[in-house]
Structure formats: C-alpha cells, structure tokens
Amino acid sequence: MKNKMETPKIPLELEDLSLALEAWESKEEIKHGRFSNISIENQSASRVSFDKVVFENVIFSESSLPEVELTDVIFDKCDISNMNFNGSFLHRTEFRNCKLLGTNFANSRLQNVSFQGCVADLSLFRFSKFKQVKYTECSLVSGDFFQAAHQKLEFSECNIDQALLSGVKLKGVDLSDCSFERLHVDIEDLDGCIISDSQAASFVGLLGLIVK
C-alpha cells in the first residue's frame, strides 16, 4: 500500500495573532494562531517554530526566517516571494495559491508538504530532502532542485520549463502531464523517469540524437 500524505492538523478555533504581531525573535515558538490580511515586513530571525498556524492573505516583505520549523501550517493566498527559509524543516505544511517567486528552501527537509496552484518560478530547493511532497498545478519555471534527494516526489500538471534537476534521481517520478520545452538534467538520472510520448523528443536531444 502506498503511503498517504499527511495533511496539516489544524484546530477548529485559532487565536487571531494579526493585531498583536510583534518582531519575532530567534528560537521563538508560535503556536495555535492565525494571521490574516496583513503585511509582515522586515522580520528577521532564525530557528523560529510555528506549530498549528494558518497564514491567510499575508504578504511577507523583506523578511528572512532561516532554519524555521513549520509543523501543521497552512499558507493560503500568501505572497512569500524572495523569503529565505534556508535550512528549514517543514512537516504537514500546505501552500495554497501562493506566490513563491525566488523563495529559498535550499538545504531544507520537507515531509508531507503540498504546493497547490502556486507560482514558484526561480524558487530554490537545491540540496533539500523530500519525503511525501507534491506540486499540483504549479509554475516552477527555472526552479532549482540541484542535488535534491527524495522519497515520493510528485509533479502534477506543473510548468517545469528550464528547471534544474541535475543530480536528482528521477526514477519513479512522473512528469508525463507536466509542460516544458527544456530541462537541465543529467542523462544518468533519467533512468525510470515517467514521461509522455510527446515529451520523448525533448529527452532524445539529451542523448545527442537528431529526430527526422
């Protein structure tokens, strides 16, 4: 039986933390709360922990939260572009219809994480470790997955044009309903990758062959 992705465990009632927002401090723990319809600016702290927290229509600006820990967290219609989450741990976390342009998740661990309808062009996931992670109807143009390791990584109806997948073992990864003109990928990593007939010509080019 296939392992089923775990979803965020969010209480029915959450404290509204929007009006009481203060500067987050390193190693601070934020639990059981909701941030809605606000702009969070100039937040810079490391190893902040969020547990059972929902962000709705939140814009993050000029902020950096490296080594953040997200457990049972939902981002809904948020703008997290250019945020620094380098070296973070994400567990049972969802990103729904978010902007993640250039967001840095490098060197992170993602477990039971889903991205749904997100624009994540130029996002960084290099050297990260994925376990039960799924991207659905996302734009990942020029996304950087260099040397990422994974157990159960899924892409469904995503635009992955120009994505950097070098060093990513693609065995069992289904790209057949994704769109792209070109990928940056190593030939040896394509063994066992699932593609469609229409995508085959793109991969033939990697072998130096010419299709007439």
C-alpha atoms as a PDB file:
ATOM      1  CA  MET A   1       0.000   0.000   0.000  1.00  0.00           C
ATOM      2  CA  LYS A   2       1.300   3.452  -0.899  1.00  0.00           C
ATOM      3  CA  ASN A   3       1.998   5.819   1.936  1.00  0.00           C
ATOM      4  CA  LYS A   4      -0.621   8.531   2.097  1.00  0.00           C
ATOM      5  CA  MET A   5       0.402  12.130   2.532  1.00  0.00           C
ATOM      6  CA  GLU A   6      -0.461  13.541   5.926  1.00  0.00           C
ATOM      7  CA  THR A   7      -2.293  16.870   5.957  1.00  0.00           C
ATOM      8  CA  PRO A   8      -1.948  19.712   8.486  1.00  0.00           C
ATOM      9  CA  LYS A   9      -3.722  19.109  11.777  1.00  0.00           C
ATOM     10  CA  ILE A  10      -5.364  22.462  12.455  1.00  0.00           C
ATOM     11  CA  PRO A  11      -7.698  23.103  15.440  1.00  0.00           C
ATOM     12  CA  LEU A  12     -11.174  24.433  14.649  1.00  0.00           C
ATOM     13  CA  GLU A  13     -10.539  27.550  16.730  1.00  0.00           C
ATOM     14  CA  LEU A  14      -7.358  29.584  16.447  1.00  0.00           C
ATOM     15  CA  GLU A  15      -6.323  32.778  18.179  1.00  0.00           C
ATOM     16  CA  ASP A  16      -6.114  35.793  15.874  1.00  0.00           C
ATOM     17  CA  LEU A  17      -2.498  36.905  16.087  1.00  0.00           C
ATOM     18  CA  SER A  18      -2.688  39.570  13.383  1.00  0.00           C
ATOM     19  CA  LEU A  19      -3.260  42.599  15.603  1.00  0.00           C
ATOM     20  CA  ALA A  20      -0.726  41.515  18.195  1.00  0.00           C
ATOM     21  CA  LEU A  21       2.080  40.989  15.697  1.00  0.00           C
ATOM     22  CA  GLU A  22       5.479  41.879  17.108  1.00  0.00           C
ATOM     23  CA  ALA A  23       9.009  41.291  15.941  1.00  0.00           C
ATOM     24  CA  TRP A  24       9.781  37.587  16.020  1.00  0.00           C
ATOM     25  CA  GLU A  25      12.869  36.562  17.947  1.00  0.00           C
ATOM     26  CA  SER A  26      15.236  33.708  17.181  1.00  0.00           C
ATOM     27  CA  LYS A  27      14.107  30.366  18.614  1.00  0.00           C
ATOM     28  CA  GLU A  28      10.664  31.805  19.407  1.00  0.00           C
ATOM     29  CA  GLU A  29       7.717  29.377  19.406  1.00  0.00           C
ATOM     30  CA  ILE A  30       4.416  30.499  17.869  1.00  0.00           C
ATOM     31  CA  LYS A  31       1.500  28.109  18.341  1.00  0.00           C
ATOM     32  CA  HIS A  32      -2.231  27.779  17.656  1.00  0.00           C
ATOM     33  CA  GLY A  33      -2.794  31.060  15.841  1.00  0.00           C
ATOM     34  CA  ARG A  34      -3.937  32.741  12.656  1.00  0.00           C
ATOM     35  CA  PHE A  35      -2.503  35.667  10.696  1.00  0.00           C
ATOM     36  CA  SER A  36      -4.955  37.180   8.202  1.00  0.00           C
ATOM     37  CA  ASN A  37      -4.973  40.052   5.670  1.00  0.00           C
ATOM     38  CA  ILE A  38      -1.775  41.735   6.831  1.00  0.00           C
ATOM     39  CA  SER A  39       1.681  42.598   5.572  1.00  0.00           C
ATOM     40  CA  ILE A  40       4.551  41.183   7.599  1.00  0.00           C
ATOM     41  CA  GLU A  41       7.630  43.298   6.993  1.00  0.00           C
ATOM     42  CA  ASN A  42      11.284  43.181   7.987  1.00  0.00           C
ATOM     43  CA  GLN A  43      11.003  40.041  10.081  1.00  0.00           C
ATOM     44  CA  SER A  44      14.437  38.504  10.518  1.00  0.00           C
ATOM     45  CA  ALA A  45      15.008  35.665  12.957  1.00  0.00           C
ATOM     46  CA  SER A  46      16.411  32.149  12.853  1.00  0.00           C
ATOM     47  CA  ARG A  47      15.024  28.869  14.202  1.00  0.00           C
ATOM     48  CA  VAL A  48      11.536  30.251  14.768  1.00  0.00           C
ATOM     49  CA  SER A  49       8.981  27.479  15.314  1.00  0.00           C
ATOM     50  CA  PHE A  50       5.381  27.625  14.021  1.00  0.00           C
ATOM     51  CA  ASP A  51       3.007  24.910  15.212  1.00  0.00           C
ATOM     52  CA  LYS A  52      -0.643  24.757  14.096  1.00  0.00           C
ATOM     53  CA  VAL A  53      -0.601  28.183  12.460  1.00  0.00           C
ATOM     54  CA  VAL A  54      -2.564  29.496   9.465  1.00  0.00           C
ATOM     55  CA  PHE A  55      -1.468  32.407   7.255  1.00  0.00           C
ATOM     56  CA  GLU A  56      -4.260  33.824   5.046  1.00  0.00           C
ATOM     57  CA  ASN A  57      -3.724  36.625   2.523  1.00  0.00           C
ATOM     58  CA  VAL A  58      -0.438  37.554   4.159  1.00  0.00           C
ATOM     59  CA  ILE A  59       2.301  39.421   2.311  1.00  0.00           C
ATOM     60  CA  PHE A  60       5.842  38.860   3.543  1.00  0.00           C
ATOM     61  CA  SER A  61       8.213  41.688   2.629  1.00  0.00           C
ATOM     62  CA  GLU A  62      11.974  41.967   3.184  1.00  0.00           C
ATOM     63  CA  SER A  63      11.878  39.072   5.644  1.00  0.00           C
ATOM     64  CA  SER A  64      14.170  36.165   6.401  1.00  0.00           C
ATOM     65  CA  LEU A  65      13.423  33.105   8.548  1.00  0.00           C
ATOM     66  CA  PRO A  66      16.292  30.636   8.040  1.00  0.00           C
ATOM     67  CA  GLU A  67      16.088  27.295   9.807  1.00  0.00           C
ATOM     68  CA  VAL A  68      12.386  27.851  10.517  1.00  0.00           C
ATOM     69  CA  GLU A  69      10.354  24.860  11.696  1.00  0.00           C
ATOM     70  CA  LEU A  70       6.834  24.578  10.274  1.00  0.00           C
ATOM     71  CA  THR A  71       4.568  21.856  11.662  1.00  0.00           C
ATOM     72  CA  ASP A  72       0.852  21.744  10.808  1.00  0.00           C
ATOM     73  CA  VAL A  73       0.955  25.063   8.958  1.00  0.00           C
ATOM     74  CA  ILE A  74      -1.137  26.405   6.062  1.00  0.00           C
ATOM     75  CA  PHE A  75      -0.231  29.318   3.778  1.00  0.00           C
ATOM     76  CA  ASP A  76      -3.341  30.367   1.813  1.00  0.00           C
ATOM     77  CA  LYS A  77      -3.099  33.052  -0.896  1.00  0.00           C
ATOM     78  CA  CYS A  78       0.105  34.439   0.591  1.00  0.00           C
ATOM     79  CA  ASP A  79       2.999  36.235  -1.083  1.00  0.00           C
ATOM     80  CA  ILE A  80       6.199  34.692   0.216  1.00  0.00           C
ATOM     81  CA  SER A  81       8.386  35.759  -2.692  1.00  0.00           C
ATOM     82  CA  ASN A  82      12.139  36.008  -2.043  1.00  0.00           C
ATOM     83  CA  MET A  83      11.771  34.762   1.525  1.00  0.00           C
ATOM     84  CA  ASN A  84      14.774  32.973   2.996  1.00  0.00           C
ATOM     85  CA  PHE A  85      13.839  29.597   4.505  1.00  0.00           C
ATOM     86  CA  ASN A  86      17.295  28.096   4.007  1.00  0.00           C
ATOM     87  CA  GLY A  87      17.957  25.032   6.161  1.00  0.00           C
ATOM     88  CA  SER A  88      14.371  24.695   7.376  1.00  0.00           C
ATOM     89  CA  PHE A  89      12.148  21.766   8.371  1.00  0.00           C
ATOM     90  CA  LEU A  90       8.584  21.585   7.015  1.00  0.00           C
ATOM     91  CA  HIS A  91       6.167  18.895   8.166  1.00  0.00           C
ATOM     92  CA  ARG A  92       2.458  18.632   7.338  1.00  0.00           C
ATOM     93  CA  THR A  93       2.524  22.024   5.615  1.00  0.00           C
ATOM     94  CA  GLU A  94       0.425  23.291   2.703  1.00  0.00           C
ATOM     95  CA  PHE A  95       0.960  26.196   0.320  1.00  0.00           C
ATOM     96  CA  ARG A  96      -2.297  27.061  -1.454  1.00  0.00           C
ATOM     97  CA  ASN A  97      -2.362  29.557  -4.341  1.00  0.00           C
ATOM     98  CA  CYS A  98       0.728  31.332  -3.054  1.00  0.00           C
ATOM     99  CA  LYS A  99       3.414  33.414  -4.759  1.00  0.00           C
ATOM    100  CA  LEU A 100       6.821  31.902  -4.107  1.00  0.00           C
ATOM    101  CA  LEU A 101       8.934  33.739  -6.666  1.00  0.00           C
ATOM    102  CA  GLY A 102      12.583  33.202  -5.814  1.00  0.00           C
ATOM    103  CA  THR A 103      11.789  31.749  -2.384  1.00  0.00           C
ATOM    104  CA  ASN A 104      14.781  29.951  -0.878  1.00  0.00           C
ATOM    105  CA  PHE A 105      14.102  26.474   0.553  1.00  0.00           C
ATOM    106  CA  ALA A 106      17.648  25.221  -0.080  1.00  0.00           C
ATOM    107  CA  ASN A 107      19.153  22.670   2.317  1.00  0.00           C
ATOM    108  CA  SER A 108      15.730  22.036   3.843  1.00  0.00           C
ATOM    109  CA  ARG A 109      13.753  18.935   4.805  1.00  0.00           C
ATOM    110  CA  LEU A 110      10.190  18.738   3.502  1.00  0.00           C
ATOM    111  CA  GLN A 111       7.922  15.948   4.716  1.00  0.00           C
ATOM    112  CA  ASN A 112       4.201  15.705   3.925  1.00  0.00           C
ATOM    113  CA  VAL A 113       4.256  19.056   2.137  1.00  0.00           C
ATOM    114  CA  SER A 114       1.978  20.111  -0.725  1.00  0.00           C
ATOM    115  CA  PHE A 115       2.110  23.061  -3.110  1.00  0.00           C
ATOM    116  CA  GLN A 116      -1.215  23.711  -4.867  1.00  0.00           C
ATOM    117  CA  GLY A 117      -1.696  26.327  -7.589  1.00  0.00           C
ATOM    118  CA  CYS A 118       1.454  28.206  -6.615  1.00  0.00           C
ATOM    119  CA  VAL A 119       3.682  30.432  -8.722  1.00  0.00           C
ATOM    120  CA  ALA A 120       7.157  29.364  -7.656  1.00  0.00           C
ATOM    121  CA  ASP A 121       9.349  30.413 -10.571  1.00  0.00           C
ATOM    122  CA  LEU A 122      13.065  30.721  -9.695  1.00  0.00           C
ATOM    123  CA  SER A 123      12.453  29.062  -6.322  1.00  0.00           C
ATOM    124  CA  LEU A 124      15.360  27.199  -4.735  1.00  0.00           C
ATOM    125  CA  PHE A 125      15.159  23.663  -3.368  1.00  0.00           C
ATOM    126  CA  ARG A 126      18.748  22.623  -4.025  1.00  0.00           C
ATOM    127  CA  PHE A 127      20.291  20.063  -1.668  1.00  0.00           C
ATOM    128  CA  SER A 128      16.906  19.628   0.033  1.00  0.00           C
ATOM    129  CA  LYS A 129      15.382  16.322   1.115  1.00  0.00           C
ATOM    130  CA  PHE A 130      11.809  15.480   0.094  1.00  0.00           C
ATOM    131  CA  LYS A 131       9.527  12.856   1.589  1.00  0.00           C
ATOM    132  CA  GLN A 132       5.884  12.795   0.502  1.00  0.00           C
ATOM    133  CA  VAL A 133       5.980  16.129  -1.338  1.00  0.00           C
ATOM    134  CA  LYS A 134       3.602  17.076  -4.144  1.00  0.00           C
ATOM    135  CA  TYR A 135       3.363  20.030  -6.532  1.00  0.00           C
ATOM    136  CA  THR A 136      -0.048  20.393  -8.205  1.00  0.00           C
ATOM    137  CA  GLU A 137      -0.780  22.909 -10.996  1.00  0.00           C
ATOM    138  CA  CYS A 138       2.250  24.978 -10.030  1.00  0.00           C
ATOM    139  CA  SER A 139       4.562  27.126 -12.131  1.00  0.00           C
ATOM    140  CA  LEU A 140       8.143  26.102 -11.377  1.00  0.00           C
ATOM    141  CA  VAL A 141       9.877  27.792 -14.305  1.00  0.00           C
ATOM    142  CA  SER A 142      13.648  27.828 -13.709  1.00  0.00           C
ATOM    143  CA  GLY A 143      13.162  26.192 -10.318  1.00  0.00           C
ATOM    144  CA  ASP A 144      16.401  24.909  -8.799  1.00  0.00           C
ATOM    145  CA  PHE A 145      16.297  21.326  -7.469  1.00  0.00           C
ATOM    146  CA  PHE A 146      20.025  20.636  -7.868  1.00  0.00           C
ATOM    147  CA  GLN A 147      21.174  17.535  -5.958  1.00  0.00           C
ATOM    148  CA  ALA A 148      17.844  17.212  -4.113  1.00  0.00           C
ATOM    149  CA  ALA A 149      17.103  13.784  -2.634  1.00  0.00           C
ATOM    150  CA  HIS A 150      13.603  12.374  -2.414  1.00  0.00           C
ATOM    151  CA  GLN A 151      11.272   9.655  -1.281  1.00  0.00           C
ATOM    152  CA  LYS A 152       7.959  10.122  -3.078  1.00  0.00           C
ATOM    153  CA  LEU A 153       8.166  13.397  -5.020  1.00  0.00           C
ATOM    154  CA  GLU A 154       5.252  14.226  -7.325  1.00  0.00           C
ATOM    155  CA  PHE A 155       4.632  16.828 -10.011  1.00  0.00           C
ATOM    156  CA  SER A 156       1.080  17.049 -11.362  1.00  0.00           C
ATOM    157  CA  GLU A 157       0.197  19.396 -14.252  1.00  0.00           C
ATOM    158  CA  CYS A 158       3.094  21.734 -13.487  1.00  0.00           C
ATOM    159  CA  ASN A 159       5.125  24.010 -15.735  1.00  0.00           C
ATOM    160  CA  ILE A 160       8.714  22.941 -15.079  1.00  0.00           C
ATOM    161  CA  ASP A 161      10.353  24.605 -18.080  1.00  0.00           C
ATOM    162  CA  GLN A 162      14.075  25.276 -17.577  1.00  0.00           C
ATOM    163  CA  ALA A 163      14.008  23.621 -14.144  1.00  0.00           C
ATOM    164  CA  LEU A 164      17.404  22.497 -12.843  1.00  0.00           C
ATOM    165  CA  LEU A 165      17.117  18.803 -11.970  1.00  0.00           C
ATOM    166  CA  SER A 166      20.774  17.833 -12.250  1.00  0.00           C
ATOM    167  CA  GLY A 167      21.719  15.328  -9.604  1.00  0.00           C
ATOM    168  CA  VAL A 168      18.088  14.404  -8.877  1.00  0.00           C
ATOM    169  CA  LYS A 169      17.358  10.696  -9.297  1.00  0.00           C
ATOM    170  CA  LEU A 170      14.099  10.721 -11.244  1.00  0.00           C
ATOM    171  CA  LYS A 171      13.264   7.033 -11.021  1.00  0.00           C
ATOM    172  CA  GLY A 172       9.527   6.716 -10.423  1.00  0.00           C
ATOM    173  CA  VAL A 173       8.905  10.451 -10.843  1.00  0.00           C
ATOM    174  CA  ASP A 174       6.010  11.041 -13.267  1.00  0.00           C
ATOM    175  CA  LEU A 175       6.472  14.103 -15.463  1.00  0.00           C
ATOM    176  CA  SER A 176       4.046  12.969 -18.153  1.00  0.00           C
ATOM    177  CA  ASP A 177       1.439  15.686 -17.588  1.00  0.00           C
ATOM    178  CA  CYS A 178       3.922  18.489 -16.954  1.00  0.00           C
ATOM    179  CA  SER A 179       4.854  21.112 -19.530  1.00  0.00           C
ATOM    180  CA  PHE A 180       8.364  22.136 -20.502  1.00  0.00           C
ATOM    181  CA  GLU A 181      10.488  22.916 -23.531  1.00  0.00           C
ATOM    182  CA  ARG A 182      13.790  22.218 -21.880  1.00  0.00           C
ATOM    183  CA  LEU A 183      15.072  20.759 -18.634  1.00  0.00           C
ATOM    184  CA  HIS A 184      18.528  20.840 -17.114  1.00  0.00           C
ATOM    185  CA  VAL A 185      19.023  17.203 -16.176  1.00  0.00           C
ATOM    186  CA  ASP A 186      21.762  14.579 -16.270  1.00  0.00           C
ATOM    187  CA  ILE A 187      21.201  11.589 -18.550  1.00  0.00           C
ATOM    188  CA  GLU A 188      22.061   9.076 -15.848  1.00  0.00           C
ATOM    189  CA  ASP A 189      19.351  10.491 -13.587  1.00  0.00           C
ATOM    190  CA  LEU A 190      16.573   9.832 -16.111  1.00  0.00           C
ATOM    191  CA  ASP A 191      16.535   6.066 -15.559  1.00  0.00           C
ATOM    192  CA  GLY A 192      12.980   5.125 -14.587  1.00  0.00           C
ATOM    193  CA  CYS A 193      11.510   8.607 -15.119  1.00  0.00           C
ATOM    194  CA  ILE A 194       7.947   8.529 -16.484  1.00  0.00           C
ATOM    195  CA  ILE A 195       7.282  10.761 -19.499  1.00  0.00           C
ATOM    196  CA  SER A 196       4.699  11.058 -22.277  1.00  0.00           C
ATOM    197  CA  ASP A 197       5.163  10.294 -25.960  1.00  0.00           C
ATOM    198  CA  SER A 198       5.129  13.981 -26.795  1.00  0.00           C
ATOM    199  CA  GLN A 199       7.950  14.663 -24.328  1.00  0.00           C
ATOM    200  CA  ALA A 200      10.219  11.956 -25.691  1.00  0.00           C
ATOM    201  CA  ALA A 201      11.800  14.155 -28.373  1.00  0.00           C
ATOM    202  CA  SER A 202      12.987  16.629 -25.744  1.00  0.00           C
ATOM    203  CA  PHE A 203      14.858  13.879 -23.923  1.00  0.00           C
ATOM    204  CA  VAL A 204      16.246  12.387 -27.133  1.00  0.00           C
ATOM    205  CA  GLY A 205      18.117  15.654 -27.582  1.00  0.00           C
ATOM    206  CA  LEU A 206      19.990  14.994 -24.341  1.00  0.00           C
ATOM    207  CA  LEU A 207      21.477  11.890 -25.977  1.00  0.00           C
ATOM    208  CA  GLY A 208      22.825  13.923 -28.876  1.00  0.00           C
ATOM    209  CA  LEU A 209      20.448  12.278 -31.310  1.00  0.00           C
ATOM    210  CA  ILE A 210      18.565  14.054 -34.093  1.00  0.00           C
ATOM    211  CA  VAL A 211      14.967  13.063 -34.835  1.00  0.00           C
ATOM    212  CA  LYS A 212      13.967  13.333 -38.528  1.00  0.00           C
END
